[in-house]
Amino acid sequence: MTIEWLEIVGRIESGENARTEFKRGFDRSAFSRTLCAFANGDSGLLVLGVDDSQNIVGVEENTEKVQEKLTSILQNSCGRPISAECDRFKSDEGGYIGLKCAVASAAVSRSTMMVDSRFDAGVAV
């Protein structure tokens, strides 16, 4: 499962749907809900740094640090680790992150959510 630049651009142009979600800013709870839904469904693509109107607004924080925080959330947010691929892309508007979530082999739930205390605050992206 590889995220390709053209796939990201195509998804941004097509807009949000059941398998594509854009996040301008980072909200730990919304992020966890989206990833759990993708893992329990047909998978999906979460793109950080893009608003609901399909505008690339970029990620204000260092994208490498954001990617580390997202990896931690993937490992601890839904009761068990979620398999996902996370890539960073750079546009003229700023860096943004594509996160492609694989289908889980068994249902995942936020009901047993664990918190990594290093990243329990919201991340401004």
PDB file of N, CA and C in Angstrom:
ATOM      1  N   MET A   1       0.851  -1.164   0.000  1.00  0.00           N
ATOM      2  CA  MET A   1       0.000   0.000   0.000  1.00  0.00           C
ATOM      3  C   MET A   1       0.902   1.235   0.000  1.00  0.00           C
ATOM      4  N   THR A   2       0.960   1.933  -1.095  1.00  0.00           N
ATOM      5  CA  THR A   2       1.788   3.120  -1.210  1.00  0.00           C
ATOM      6  C   THR A   2       0.922   4.308  -1.585  1.00  0.00           C
ATOM      7  N   ILE A   3       1.166   5.420  -0.918  1.00  0.00           N
ATOM      8  CA  ILE A   3       0.452   6.647  -1.263  1.00  0.00           C
ATOM      9  C   ILE A   3       1.257   7.345  -2.348  1.00  0.00           C
ATOM     10  N   GLU A   4       0.633   7.569  -3.460  1.00  0.00           N
ATOM     11  CA  GLU A   4       1.284   8.236  -4.578  1.00  0.00           C
ATOM     12  C   GLU A   4       0.810   9.689  -4.642  1.00  0.00           C
ATOM     13  N   TRP A   5       1.690  10.558  -5.090  1.00  0.00           N
ATOM     14  CA  TRP A   5       1.375  11.974  -5.243  1.00  0.00           C
ATOM     15  C   TRP A   5       0.101  12.169  -6.074  1.00  0.00           C
ATOM     16  N   LEU A   6      -0.010  11.463  -7.194  1.00  0.00           N
ATOM     17  CA  LEU A   6      -1.173  11.633  -8.064  1.00  0.00           C
ATOM     18  C   LEU A   6      -2.466  11.188  -7.382  1.00  0.00           C
ATOM     19  N   GLU A   7      -2.385  10.183  -6.522  1.00  0.00           N
ATOM     20  CA  GLU A   7      -3.573   9.757  -5.784  1.00  0.00           C
ATOM     21  C   GLU A   7      -4.033  10.864  -4.839  1.00  0.00           C
ATOM     22  N   ILE A   8      -3.084  11.475  -4.130  1.00  0.00           N
ATOM     23  CA  ILE A   8      -3.424  12.568  -3.220  1.00  0.00           C
ATOM     24  C   ILE A   8      -4.079  13.709  -3.985  1.00  0.00           C
ATOM     25  N   VAL A   9      -3.458  14.134  -5.082  1.00  0.00           N
ATOM     26  CA  VAL A   9      -3.996  15.240  -5.887  1.00  0.00           C
ATOM     27  C   VAL A   9      -5.381  14.884  -6.415  1.00  0.00           C
ATOM     28  N   GLY A  10      -5.541  13.664  -6.907  1.00  0.00           N
ATOM     29  CA  GLY A  10      -6.844  13.231  -7.413  1.00  0.00           C
ATOM     30  C   GLY A  10      -7.917  13.237  -6.340  1.00  0.00           C
ATOM     31  N   ARG A  11      -7.571  12.783  -5.146  1.00  0.00           N
ATOM     32  CA  ARG A  11      -8.541  12.773  -4.044  1.00  0.00           C
ATOM     33  C   ARG A  11      -8.901  14.187  -3.621  1.00  0.00           C
ATOM     34  N   ILE A  12      -7.919  15.088  -3.608  1.00  0.00           N
ATOM     35  CA  ILE A  12      -8.215  16.480  -3.257  1.00  0.00           C
ATOM     36  C   ILE A  12      -9.163  17.080  -4.290  1.00  0.00           C
ATOM     37  N   GLU A  13      -8.890  16.847  -5.552  1.00  0.00           N
ATOM     38  CA  GLU A  13      -9.747  17.370  -6.621  1.00  0.00           C
ATOM     39  C   GLU A  13     -11.152  16.781  -6.572  1.00  0.00           C
ATOM     40  N   SER A  14     -11.278  15.508  -6.198  1.00  0.00           N
ATOM     41  CA  SER A  14     -12.589  14.843  -6.147  1.00  0.00           C
ATOM     42  C   SER A  14     -13.393  15.222  -4.913  1.00  0.00           C
ATOM     43  N   GLY A  15     -12.722  15.662  -3.864  1.00  0.00           N
ATOM     44  CA  GLY A  15     -13.417  16.055  -2.638  1.00  0.00           C
ATOM     45  C   GLY A  15     -13.600  14.896  -1.676  1.00  0.00           C
ATOM     46  N   GLU A  16     -14.191  15.230  -0.545  1.00  0.00           N
ATOM     47  CA  GLU A  16     -14.404  14.229   0.505  1.00  0.00           C
ATOM     48  C   GLU A  16     -15.520  13.259   0.127  1.00  0.00           C
ATOM     49  N   ASN A  17     -15.382  12.038   0.626  1.00  0.00           N
ATOM     50  CA  ASN A  17     -16.417  11.020   0.464  1.00  0.00           C
ATOM     51  C   ASN A  17     -16.216   9.985   1.567  1.00  0.00           C
ATOM     52  N   ALA A  18     -16.850   8.838   1.448  1.00  0.00           N
ATOM     53  CA  ALA A  18     -16.766   7.817   2.505  1.00  0.00           C
ATOM     54  C   ALA A  18     -15.345   7.291   2.719  1.00  0.00           C
ATOM     55  N   ARG A  19     -14.477   7.459   1.736  1.00  0.00           N
ATOM     56  CA  ARG A  19     -13.113   6.936   1.859  1.00  0.00           C
ATOM     57  C   ARG A  19     -12.049   8.026   1.809  1.00  0.00           C
ATOM     58  N   THR A  20     -12.453   9.280   1.846  1.00  0.00           N
ATOM     59  CA  THR A  20     -11.502  10.395   1.819  1.00  0.00           C
ATOM     60  C   THR A  20     -11.964  11.463   2.799  1.00  0.00           C
ATOM     61  N   GLU A  21     -11.060  11.870   3.672  1.00  0.00           N
ATOM     62  CA  GLU A  21     -11.371  12.887   4.682  1.00  0.00           C
ATOM     63  C   GLU A  21     -10.248  13.915   4.704  1.00  0.00           C
ATOM     64  N   PHE A  22     -10.621  15.190   4.712  1.00  0.00           N
ATOM     65  CA  PHE A  22      -9.649  16.271   4.813  1.00  0.00           C
ATOM     66  C   PHE A  22      -9.704  16.855   6.211  1.00  0.00           C
ATOM     67  N   LYS A  23      -8.570  17.210   6.737  1.00  0.00           N
ATOM     68  CA  LYS A  23      -8.495  17.880   8.034  1.00  0.00           C
ATOM     69  C   LYS A  23      -7.587  19.091   7.895  1.00  0.00           C
ATOM     70  N   ARG A  24      -8.130  20.248   8.144  1.00  0.00           N
ATOM     71  CA  ARG A  24      -7.340  21.477   8.141  1.00  0.00           C
ATOM     72  C   ARG A  24      -6.506  21.538   9.416  1.00  0.00           C
ATOM     73  N   GLY A  25      -7.173  21.311  10.526  1.00  0.00           N
ATOM     74  CA  GLY A  25      -6.520  21.310  11.823  1.00  0.00           C
ATOM     75  C   GLY A  25      -6.635  19.930  12.443  1.00  0.00           C
ATOM     76  N   PHE A  26      -5.923  19.745  13.511  1.00  0.00           N
ATOM     77  CA  PHE A  26      -5.873  18.433  14.128  1.00  0.00           C
ATOM     78  C   PHE A  26      -6.719  18.408  15.386  1.00  0.00           C
ATOM     79  N   ASP A  27      -7.618  17.474  15.451  1.00  0.00           N
ATOM     80  CA  ASP A  27      -8.466  17.248  16.618  1.00  0.00           C
ATOM     81  C   ASP A  27      -8.320  15.771  16.950  1.00  0.00           C
ATOM     82  N   ARG A  28      -7.687  15.477  18.091  1.00  0.00           N
ATOM     83  CA  ARG A  28      -7.375  14.092  18.467  1.00  0.00           C
ATOM     84  C   ARG A  28      -8.602  13.185  18.401  1.00  0.00           C
ATOM     85  N   SER A  29      -9.718  13.645  18.926  1.00  0.00           N
ATOM     86  CA  SER A  29     -10.926  12.823  18.952  1.00  0.00           C
ATOM     87  C   SER A  29     -11.466  12.572  17.538  1.00  0.00           C
ATOM     88  N   ALA A  30     -11.550  13.624  16.727  1.00  0.00           N
ATOM     89  CA  ALA A  30     -12.050  13.474  15.353  1.00  0.00           C
ATOM     90  C   ALA A  30     -11.105  12.593  14.532  1.00  0.00           C
ATOM     91  N   PHE A  31      -9.821  12.760  14.743  1.00  0.00           N
ATOM     92  CA  PHE A  31      -8.831  11.961  14.036  1.00  0.00           C
ATOM     93  C   PHE A  31      -9.005  10.481  14.385  1.00  0.00           C
ATOM     94  N   SER A  32      -9.166  10.185  15.679  1.00  0.00           N
ATOM     95  CA  SER A  32      -9.348   8.798  16.123  1.00  0.00           C
ATOM     96  C   SER A  32     -10.625   8.204  15.551  1.00  0.00           C
ATOM     97  N   ARG A  33     -11.723   8.967  15.576  1.00  0.00           N
ATOM     98  CA  ARG A  33     -12.997   8.478  15.015  1.00  0.00           C
ATOM     99  C   ARG A  33     -12.847   8.143  13.534  1.00  0.00           C
ATOM    100  N   THR A  34     -12.211   9.043  12.794  1.00  0.00           N
ATOM    101  CA  THR A  34     -12.037   8.834  11.353  1.00  0.00           C
ATOM    102  C   THR A  34     -11.209   7.584  11.078  1.00  0.00           C
ATOM    103  N   LEU A  35     -10.104   7.434  11.791  1.00  0.00           N
ATOM    104  CA  LEU A  35      -9.243   6.272  11.554  1.00  0.00           C
ATOM    105  C   LEU A  35      -9.914   4.969  11.949  1.00  0.00           C
ATOM    106  N   CYS A  36     -10.645   4.965  13.061  1.00  0.00           N
ATOM    107  CA  CYS A  36     -11.371   3.753  13.455  1.00  0.00           C
ATOM    108  C   CYS A  36     -12.422   3.397  12.409  1.00  0.00           C
ATOM    109  N   ALA A  37     -13.106   4.404  11.879  1.00  0.00           N
ATOM    110  CA  ALA A  37     -14.115   4.153  10.836  1.00  0.00           C
ATOM    111  C   ALA A  37     -13.454   3.588   9.579  1.00  0.00           C
ATOM    112  N   PHE A  38     -12.338   4.171   9.163  1.00  0.00           N
ATOM    113  CA  PHE A  38     -11.625   3.646   7.997  1.00  0.00           C
ATOM    114  C   PHE A  38     -11.174   2.204   8.235  1.00  0.00           C
ATOM    115  N   ALA A  39     -10.640   1.932   9.428  1.00  0.00           N
ATOM    116  CA  ALA A  39     -10.143   0.588   9.737  1.00  0.00           C
ATOM    117  C   ALA A  39     -11.273  -0.437   9.764  1.00  0.00           C
ATOM    118  N   ASN A  40     -12.463  -0.031  10.171  1.00  0.00           N
ATOM    119  CA  ASN A  40     -13.604  -0.939  10.238  1.00  0.00           C
ATOM    120  C   ASN A  40     -14.366  -1.039   8.919  1.00  0.00           C
ATOM    121  N   GLY A  41     -14.068  -0.154   7.984  1.00  0.00           N
ATOM    122  CA  GLY A  41     -14.783  -0.134   6.710  1.00  0.00           C
ATOM    123  C   GLY A  41     -13.917  -0.610   5.567  1.00  0.00           C
ATOM    124  N   ASP A  42     -13.978   0.131   4.483  1.00  0.00           N
ATOM    125  CA  ASP A  42     -13.247  -0.227   3.267  1.00  0.00           C
ATOM    126  C   ASP A  42     -11.907   0.495   3.163  1.00  0.00           C
ATOM    127  N   SER A  43     -11.372   0.925   4.270  1.00  0.00           N
ATOM    128  CA  SER A  43     -10.143   1.712   4.369  1.00  0.00           C
ATOM    129  C   SER A  43     -10.426   3.149   3.948  1.00  0.00           C
ATOM    130  N   GLY A  44      -9.410   3.965   3.942  1.00  0.00           N
ATOM    131  CA  GLY A  44      -9.630   5.351   3.573  1.00  0.00           C
ATOM    132  C   GLY A  44      -8.352   6.148   3.581  1.00  0.00           C
ATOM    133  N   LEU A  45      -8.469   7.398   3.171  1.00  0.00           N
ATOM    134  CA  LEU A  45      -7.338   8.300   3.090  1.00  0.00           C
ATOM    135  C   LEU A  45      -7.669   9.577   3.848  1.00  0.00           C
ATOM    136  N   LEU A  46      -6.852   9.898   4.833  1.00  0.00           N
ATOM    137  CA  LEU A  46      -6.976  11.124   5.602  1.00  0.00           C
ATOM    138  C   LEU A  46      -5.852  12.049   5.152  1.00  0.00           C
ATOM    139  N   VAL A  47      -6.214  13.272   4.747  1.00  0.00           N
ATOM    140  CA  VAL A  47      -5.211  14.226   4.286  1.00  0.00           C
ATOM    141  C   VAL A  47      -5.226  15.421   5.222  1.00  0.00           C
ATOM    142  N   LEU A  48      -4.122  15.631   5.919  1.00  0.00           N
ATOM    143  CA  LEU A  48      -3.976  16.780   6.808  1.00  0.00           C
ATOM    144  C   LEU A  48      -3.390  17.942   6.029  1.00  0.00           C
ATOM    145  N   GLY A  49      -3.890  19.139   6.330  1.00  0.00           N
ATOM    146  CA  GLY A  49      -3.403  20.328   5.638  1.00  0.00           C
ATOM    147  C   GLY A  49      -4.271  20.708   4.458  1.00  0.00           C
ATOM    148  N   VAL A  50      -5.474  20.147   4.389  1.00  0.00           N
ATOM    149  CA  VAL A  50      -6.436  20.467   3.332  1.00  0.00           C
ATOM    150  C   VAL A  50      -7.764  20.756   4.008  1.00  0.00           C
ATOM    151  N   ASP A  51      -8.412  21.865   3.622  1.00  0.00           N
ATOM    152  CA  ASP A  51      -9.694  22.197   4.250  1.00  0.00           C
ATOM    153  C   ASP A  51     -10.851  21.533   3.511  1.00  0.00           C
ATOM    154  N   ASP A  52     -12.060  21.677   4.053  1.00  0.00           N
ATOM    155  CA  ASP A  52     -13.241  21.017   3.473  1.00  0.00           C
ATOM    156  C   ASP A  52     -13.602  21.545   2.086  1.00  0.00           C
ATOM    157  N   SER A  53     -13.068  22.704   1.713  1.00  0.00           N
ATOM    158  CA  SER A  53     -13.316  23.265   0.384  1.00  0.00           C
ATOM    159  C   SER A  53     -12.244  22.861  -0.619  1.00  0.00           C
ATOM    160  N   GLN A  54     -11.446  21.867  -0.241  1.00  0.00           N
ATOM    161  CA  GLN A  54     -10.412  21.298  -1.104  1.00  0.00           C
ATOM    162  C   GLN A  54      -9.229  22.234  -1.321  1.00  0.00           C
ATOM    163  N   ASN A  55      -9.045  23.215  -0.440  1.00  0.00           N
ATOM    164  CA  ASN A  55      -7.903  24.113  -0.529  1.00  0.00           C
ATOM    165  C   ASN A  55      -6.750  23.546   0.282  1.00  0.00           C
ATOM    166  N   ILE A  56      -5.584  23.512  -0.313  1.00  0.00           N
ATOM    167  CA  ILE A  56      -4.401  23.092   0.419  1.00  0.00           C
ATOM    168  C   ILE A  56      -3.964  24.275   1.274  1.00  0.00           C
ATOM    169  N   VAL A  57      -4.041  24.103   2.586  1.00  0.00           N
ATOM    170  CA  VAL A  57      -3.665  25.175   3.505  1.00  0.00           C
ATOM    171  C   VAL A  57      -2.339  24.879   4.184  1.00  0.00           C
ATOM    172  N   GLY A  58      -1.870  23.666   4.065  1.00  0.00           N
ATOM    173  CA  GLY A  58      -0.580  23.294   4.620  1.00  0.00           C
ATOM    174  C   GLY A  58      -0.645  22.930   6.084  1.00  0.00           C
ATOM    175  N   VAL A  59       0.424  22.378   6.556  1.00  0.00           N
ATOM    176  CA  VAL A  59       0.581  21.999   7.952  1.00  0.00           C
ATOM    177  C   VAL A  59       1.567  22.997   8.551  1.00  0.00           C
ATOM    178  N   GLU A  60       1.116  23.739   9.551  1.00  0.00           N
ATOM    179  CA  GLU A  60       1.953  24.788  10.118  1.00  0.00           C
ATOM    180  C   GLU A  60       3.113  24.242  10.932  1.00  0.00           C
ATOM    181  N   GLU A  61       2.888  23.153  11.630  1.00  0.00           N
ATOM    182  CA  GLU A  61       3.939  22.549  12.444  1.00  0.00           C
ATOM    183  C   GLU A  61       4.866  21.739  11.540  1.00  0.00           C
ATOM    184  N   ASN A  62       6.071  21.473  12.006  1.00  0.00           N
ATOM    185  CA  ASN A  62       7.011  20.640  11.287  1.00  0.00           C
ATOM    186  C   ASN A  62       6.336  19.311  10.947  1.00  0.00           C
ATOM    187  N   THR A  63       6.266  18.975   9.661  1.00  0.00           N
ATOM    188  CA  THR A  63       5.520  17.781   9.245  1.00  0.00           C
ATOM    189  C   THR A  63       6.134  16.487   9.781  1.00  0.00           C
ATOM    190  N   GLU A  64       7.430  16.473  10.007  1.00  0.00           N
ATOM    191  CA  GLU A  64       8.053  15.274  10.575  1.00  0.00           C
ATOM    192  C   GLU A  64       7.549  15.036  12.004  1.00  0.00           C
ATOM    193  N   LYS A  65       7.442  16.102  12.789  1.00  0.00           N
ATOM    194  CA  LYS A  65       6.931  15.978  14.153  1.00  0.00           C
ATOM    195  C   LYS A  65       5.460  15.579  14.151  1.00  0.00           C
ATOM    196  N   VAL A  66       4.689  16.153  13.239  1.00  0.00           N
ATOM    197  CA  VAL A  66       3.277  15.786  13.138  1.00  0.00           C
ATOM    198  C   VAL A  66       3.155  14.317  12.784  1.00  0.00           C
ATOM    199  N   GLN A  67       3.974  13.840  11.860  1.00  0.00           N
ATOM    200  CA  GLN A  67       3.932  12.430  11.465  1.00  0.00           C
ATOM    201  C   GLN A  67       4.250  11.528  12.655  1.00  0.00           C
ATOM    202  N   GLU A  68       5.197  11.910  13.483  1.00  0.00           N
ATOM    203  CA  GLU A  68       5.517  11.122  14.674  1.00  0.00           C
ATOM    204  C   GLU A  68       4.320  11.060  15.615  1.00  0.00           C
ATOM    205  N   LYS A  69       3.644  12.174  15.800  1.00  0.00           N
ATOM    206  CA  LYS A  69       2.467  12.207  16.677  1.00  0.00           C
ATOM    207  C   LYS A  69       1.339  11.353  16.108  1.00  0.00           C
ATOM    208  N   LEU A  70       1.162  11.412  14.798  1.00  0.00           N
ATOM    209  CA  LEU A  70       0.119  10.603  14.159  1.00  0.00           C
ATOM    210  C   LEU A  70       0.418   9.114  14.303  1.00  0.00           C
ATOM    211  N   THR A  71       1.664   8.740  14.172  1.00  0.00           N
ATOM    212  CA  THR A  71       2.051   7.340  14.348  1.00  0.00           C
ATOM    213  C   THR A  71       1.731   6.873  15.758  1.00  0.00           C
ATOM    214  N   SER A  72       2.016   7.704  16.740  1.00  0.00           N
ATOM    215  CA  SER A  72       1.699   7.355  18.120  1.00  0.00           C
ATOM    216  C   SER A  72       0.189   7.172  18.296  1.00  0.00           C
ATOM    217  N   ILE A  73      -0.587   8.052  17.714  1.00  0.00           N
ATOM    218  CA  ILE A  73      -2.046   7.949  17.818  1.00  0.00           C
ATOM    219  C   ILE A  73      -2.541   6.673  17.143  1.00  0.00           C
ATOM    220  N   LEU A  74      -1.980   6.339  15.979  1.00  0.00           N
ATOM    221  CA  LEU A  74      -2.373   5.107  15.288  1.00  0.00           C
ATOM    222  C   LEU A  74      -2.119   3.876  16.148  1.00  0.00           C
ATOM    223  N   GLN A  75      -1.065   3.916  16.911  1.00  0.00           N
ATOM    224  CA  GLN A  75      -0.710   2.766  17.745  1.00  0.00           C
ATOM    225  C   GLN A  75      -1.546   2.681  19.014  1.00  0.00           C
ATOM    226  N   ASN A  76      -2.157   3.792  19.448  1.00  0.00           N
ATOM    227  CA  ASN A  76      -2.792   3.822  20.763  1.00  0.00           C
ATOM    228  C   ASN A  76      -4.238   4.307  20.790  1.00  0.00           C
ATOM    229  N   SER A  77      -4.850   4.627  19.672  1.00  0.00           N
ATOM    230  CA  SER A  77      -6.147   5.299  19.696  1.00  0.00           C
ATOM    231  C   SER A  77      -7.368   4.397  19.653  1.00  0.00           C
ATOM    232  N   CYS A  78      -7.266   3.240  19.099  1.00  0.00           N
ATOM    233  CA  CYS A  78      -8.466   2.446  18.839  1.00  0.00           C
ATOM    234  C   CYS A  78      -8.436   1.085  19.519  1.00  0.00           C
ATOM    235  N   GLY A  79      -7.801   0.998  20.656  1.00  0.00           N
ATOM    236  CA  GLY A  79      -7.777  -0.248  21.395  1.00  0.00           C
ATOM    237  C   GLY A  79      -6.706  -1.214  20.946  1.00  0.00           C
ATOM    238  N   ARG A  80      -6.278  -1.092  19.727  1.00  0.00           N
ATOM    239  CA  ARG A  80      -5.169  -1.877  19.201  1.00  0.00           C
ATOM    240  C   ARG A  80      -4.602  -1.108  18.014  1.00  0.00           C
ATOM    241  N   PRO A  81      -3.372  -1.378  17.637  1.00  0.00           N
ATOM    242  CA  PRO A  81      -2.754  -0.603  16.552  1.00  0.00           C
ATOM    243  C   PRO A  81      -3.529  -0.711  15.240  1.00  0.00           C
ATOM    244  N   ILE A  82      -3.536   0.387  14.513  1.00  0.00           N
ATOM    245  CA  ILE A  82      -4.152   0.437  13.190  1.00  0.00           C
ATOM    246  C   ILE A  82      -3.025   0.483  12.171  1.00  0.00           C
ATOM    247  N   SER A  83      -3.145  -0.318  11.134  1.00  0.00           N
ATOM    248  CA  SER A  83      -2.154  -0.327  10.070  1.00  0.00           C
ATOM    249  C   SER A  83      -2.430   0.840   9.127  1.00  0.00           C
ATOM    250  N   ALA A  84      -1.428   1.671   8.932  1.00  0.00           N
ATOM    251  CA  ALA A  84      -1.580   2.817   8.037  1.00  0.00           C
ATOM    252  C   ALA A  84      -0.238   3.194   7.463  1.00  0.00           C
ATOM    253  N   GLU A  85      -0.280   3.836   6.334  1.00  0.00           N
ATOM    254  CA  GLU A  85       0.914   4.376   5.714  1.00  0.00           C
ATOM    255  C   GLU A  85       0.800   5.886   5.762  1.00  0.00           C
ATOM    256  N   CYS A  86       1.856   6.537   6.161  1.00  0.00           N
ATOM    257  CA  CYS A  86       1.851   7.985   6.317  1.00  0.00           C
ATOM    258  C   CYS A  86       2.980   8.573   5.494  1.00  0.00           C
ATOM    259  N   ASP A  87       2.633   9.448   4.577  1.00  0.00           N
ATOM    260  CA  ASP A  87       3.635  10.119   3.749  1.00  0.00           C
ATOM    261  C   ASP A  87       3.439  11.615   3.821  1.00  0.00           C
ATOM    262  N   ARG A  88       4.533  12.334   3.660  1.00  0.00           N
ATOM    263  CA  ARG A  88       4.484  13.799   3.660  1.00  0.00           C
ATOM    264  C   ARG A  88       4.751  14.288   2.246  1.00  0.00           C
ATOM    265  N   PHE A  89       3.983  15.298   1.857  1.00  0.00           N
ATOM    266  CA  PHE A  89       4.142  15.904   0.544  1.00  0.00           C
ATOM    267  C   PHE A  89       4.278  17.408   0.741  1.00  0.00           C
ATOM    268  N   LYS A  90       4.941  18.065  -0.158  1.00  0.00           N
ATOM    269  CA  LYS A  90       5.151  19.509  -0.075  1.00  0.00           C
ATOM    270  C   LYS A  90       4.509  20.175  -1.282  1.00  0.00           C
ATOM    271  N   SER A  91       3.733  21.213  -1.015  1.00  0.00           N
ATOM    272  CA  SER A  91       3.165  22.015  -2.090  1.00  0.00           C
ATOM    273  C   SER A  91       3.609  23.450  -1.882  1.00  0.00           C
ATOM    274  N   ASP A  92       3.274  24.311  -2.808  1.00  0.00           N
ATOM    275  CA  ASP A  92       3.611  25.724  -2.666  1.00  0.00           C
ATOM    276  C   ASP A  92       2.923  26.344  -1.453  1.00  0.00           C
ATOM    277  N   GLU A  93       1.777  25.786  -1.062  1.00  0.00           N
ATOM    278  CA  GLU A  93       1.019  26.309   0.068  1.00  0.00           C
ATOM    279  C   GLU A  93       1.567  25.839   1.410  1.00  0.00           C
ATOM    280  N   GLY A  94       2.374  24.823   1.418  1.00  0.00           N
ATOM    281  CA  GLY A  94       2.927  24.291   2.661  1.00  0.00           C
ATOM    282  C   GLY A  94       2.883  22.780   2.656  1.00  0.00           C
ATOM    283  N   GLY A  95       3.515  22.185   3.640  1.00  0.00           N
ATOM    284  CA  GLY A  95       3.534  20.734   3.726  1.00  0.00           C
ATOM    285  C   GLY A  95       2.178  20.180   4.106  1.00  0.00           C
ATOM    286  N   TYR A  96       1.861  19.023   3.624  1.00  0.00           N
ATOM    287  CA  TYR A  96       0.664  18.325   4.067  1.00  0.00           C
ATOM    288  C   TYR A  96       0.946  16.841   4.121  1.00  0.00           C
ATOM    289  N   ILE A  97       0.100  16.135   4.836  1.00  0.00           N
ATOM    290  CA  ILE A  97       0.351  14.730   5.138  1.00  0.00           C
ATOM    291  C   ILE A  97      -0.819  13.893   4.640  1.00  0.00           C
ATOM    292  N   GLY A  98      -0.517  12.821   3.936  1.00  0.00           N
ATOM    293  CA  GLY A  98      -1.531  11.867   3.532  1.00  0.00           C
ATOM    294  C   GLY A  98      -1.401  10.628   4.394  1.00  0.00           C
ATOM    295  N   LEU A  99      -2.493  10.142   4.930  1.00  0.00           N
ATOM    296  CA  LEU A  99      -2.474   8.968   5.782  1.00  0.00           C
ATOM    297  C   LEU A  99      -3.471   7.968   5.228  1.00  0.00           C
ATOM    298  N   LYS A 100      -2.977   6.845   4.742  1.00  0.00           N
ATOM    299  CA  LYS A 100      -3.826   5.819   4.139  1.00  0.00           C
ATOM    300  C   LYS A 100      -3.981   4.693   5.143  1.00  0.00           C
ATOM    301  N   CYS A 101      -5.207   4.412   5.518  1.00  0.00           N
ATOM    302  CA  CYS A 101      -5.497   3.438   6.563  1.00  0.00           C
ATOM    303  C   CYS A 101      -5.960   2.126   5.947  1.00  0.00           C
ATOM    304  N   ALA A 102      -5.343   1.035   6.358  1.00  0.00           N
ATOM    305  CA  ALA A 102      -5.708  -0.291   5.859  1.00  0.00           C
ATOM    306  C   ALA A 102      -6.944  -0.806   6.584  1.00  0.00           C
ATOM    307  N   VAL A 103      -7.617  -1.752   5.973  1.00  0.00           N
ATOM    308  CA  VAL A 103      -8.761  -2.399   6.603  1.00  0.00           C
ATOM    309  C   VAL A 103      -8.260  -3.283   7.741  1.00  0.00           C
ATOM    310  N   ALA A 104      -8.907  -3.181   8.879  1.00  0.00           N
ATOM    311  CA  ALA A 104      -8.526  -3.995  10.038  1.00  0.00           C
ATOM    312  C   ALA A 104      -9.011  -5.419   9.846  1.00  0.00           C
ATOM    313  N   SER A 105      -8.282  -6.370  10.411  1.00  0.00           N
ATOM    314  CA  SER A 105      -8.696  -7.774  10.319  1.00  0.00           C
ATOM    315  C   SER A 105      -9.820  -8.073  11.297  1.00  0.00           C
ATOM    316  N   ALA A 106      -9.980  -7.252  12.309  1.00  0.00           N
ATOM    317  CA  ALA A 106     -11.083  -7.360  13.269  1.00  0.00           C
ATOM    318  C   ALA A 106     -11.477  -5.941  13.655  1.00  0.00           C
ATOM    319  N   ALA A 107     -12.703  -5.780  14.078  1.00  0.00           N
ATOM    320  CA  ALA A 107     -13.202  -4.447  14.404  1.00  0.00           C
ATOM    321  C   ALA A 107     -12.357  -3.781  15.484  1.00  0.00           C
ATOM    322  N   VAL A 108     -12.181  -2.470  15.337  1.00  0.00           N
ATOM    323  CA  VAL A 108     -11.485  -1.684  16.346  1.00  0.00           C
ATOM    324  C   VAL A 108     -12.481  -0.717  16.962  1.00  0.00           C
ATOM    325  N   SER A 109     -12.215  -0.322  18.170  1.00  0.00           N
ATOM    326  CA  SER A 109     -13.139   0.542  18.898  1.00  0.00           C
ATOM    327  C   SER A 109     -12.385   1.590  19.677  1.00  0.00           C
ATOM    328  N   ARG A 110     -12.940   2.777  19.762  1.00  0.00           N
ATOM    329  CA  ARG A 110     -12.347   3.830  20.568  1.00  0.00           C
ATOM    330  C   ARG A 110     -12.672   3.628  22.040  1.00  0.00           C
ATOM    331  N   SER A 111     -13.514   2.673  22.403  1.00  0.00           N
ATOM    332  CA  SER A 111     -13.936   2.508  23.795  1.00  0.00           C
ATOM    333  C   SER A 111     -12.795   2.124  24.721  1.00  0.00           C
ATOM    334  N   THR A 112     -11.734   1.552  24.165  1.00  0.00           N
ATOM    335  CA  THR A 112     -10.589   1.171  24.999  1.00  0.00           C
ATOM    336  C   THR A 112      -9.399   2.074  24.707  1.00  0.00           C
ATOM    337  N   MET A 113      -9.687   3.314  24.327  1.00  0.00           N
ATOM    338  CA  MET A 113      -8.635   4.232  23.923  1.00  0.00           C
ATOM    339  C   MET A 113      -7.630   4.464  25.035  1.00  0.00           C
ATOM    340  N   MET A 114      -6.373   4.393  24.672  1.00  0.00           N
ATOM    341  CA  MET A 114      -5.280   4.694  25.585  1.00  0.00           C
ATOM    342  C   MET A 114      -4.674   6.024  25.142  1.00  0.00           C
ATOM    343  N   VAL A 115      -4.104   6.755  26.060  1.00  0.00           N
ATOM    344  CA  VAL A 115      -3.526   8.052  25.730  1.00  0.00           C
ATOM    345  C   VAL A 115      -2.021   8.026  25.953  1.00  0.00           C
ATOM    346  N   ASP A 116      -1.291   8.450  24.957  1.00  0.00           N
ATOM    347  CA  ASP A 116       0.146   8.647  25.096  1.00  0.00           C
ATOM    348  C   ASP A 116       0.316  10.057  25.651  1.00  0.00           C
ATOM    349  N   SER A 117       0.773  10.173  26.877  1.00  0.00           N
ATOM    350  CA  SER A 117       0.798  11.464  27.550  1.00  0.00           C
ATOM    351  C   SER A 117       1.679  12.476  26.857  1.00  0.00           C
ATOM    352  N   ARG A 118       2.600  12.046  26.031  1.00  0.00           N
ATOM    353  CA  ARG A 118       3.428  13.006  25.283  1.00  0.00           C
ATOM    354  C   ARG A 118       2.607  13.773  24.270  1.00  0.00           C
ATOM    355  N   PHE A 119       1.497  13.185  23.806  1.00  0.00           N
ATOM    356  CA  PHE A 119       0.747  13.785  22.719  1.00  0.00           C
ATOM    357  C   PHE A 119      -0.736  13.955  23.073  1.00  0.00           C
ATOM    358  N   ASP A 120      -1.060  14.183  24.348  1.00  0.00           N
ATOM    359  CA  ASP A 120      -2.467  14.242  24.722  1.00  0.00           C
ATOM    360  C   ASP A 120      -3.105  15.582  24.409  1.00  0.00           C
ATOM    361  N   ALA A 121      -2.333  16.558  24.014  1.00  0.00           N
ATOM    362  CA  ALA A 121      -2.891  17.849  23.628  1.00  0.00           C
ATOM    363  C   ALA A 121      -3.120  17.864  22.130  1.00  0.00           C
ATOM    364  N   GLY A 122      -3.997  18.732  21.670  1.00  0.00           N
ATOM    365  CA  GLY A 122      -4.245  18.863  20.244  1.00  0.00           C
ATOM    366  C   GLY A 122      -2.993  19.376  19.537  1.00  0.00           C
ATOM    367  N   VAL A 123      -2.873  19.023  18.283  1.00  0.00           N
ATOM    368  CA  VAL A 123      -1.729  19.451  17.493  1.00  0.00           C
ATOM    369  C   VAL A 123      -2.239  20.462  16.492  1.00  0.00           C
ATOM    370  N   ALA A 124      -1.636  21.628  16.440  1.00  0.00           N
ATOM    371  CA  ALA A 124      -2.029  22.654  15.467  1.00  0.00           C
ATOM    372  C   ALA A 124      -1.363  22.342  14.144  1.00  0.00           C
ATOM    373  N   VAL A 125      -2.185  21.947  13.158  1.00  0.00           N
ATOM    374  CA  VAL A 125      -1.645  21.705  11.820  1.00  0.00           C
ATOM    375  C   VAL A 125      -2.408  22.540  10.836  1.00  0.00           C
TER     376      VAL A 125
END
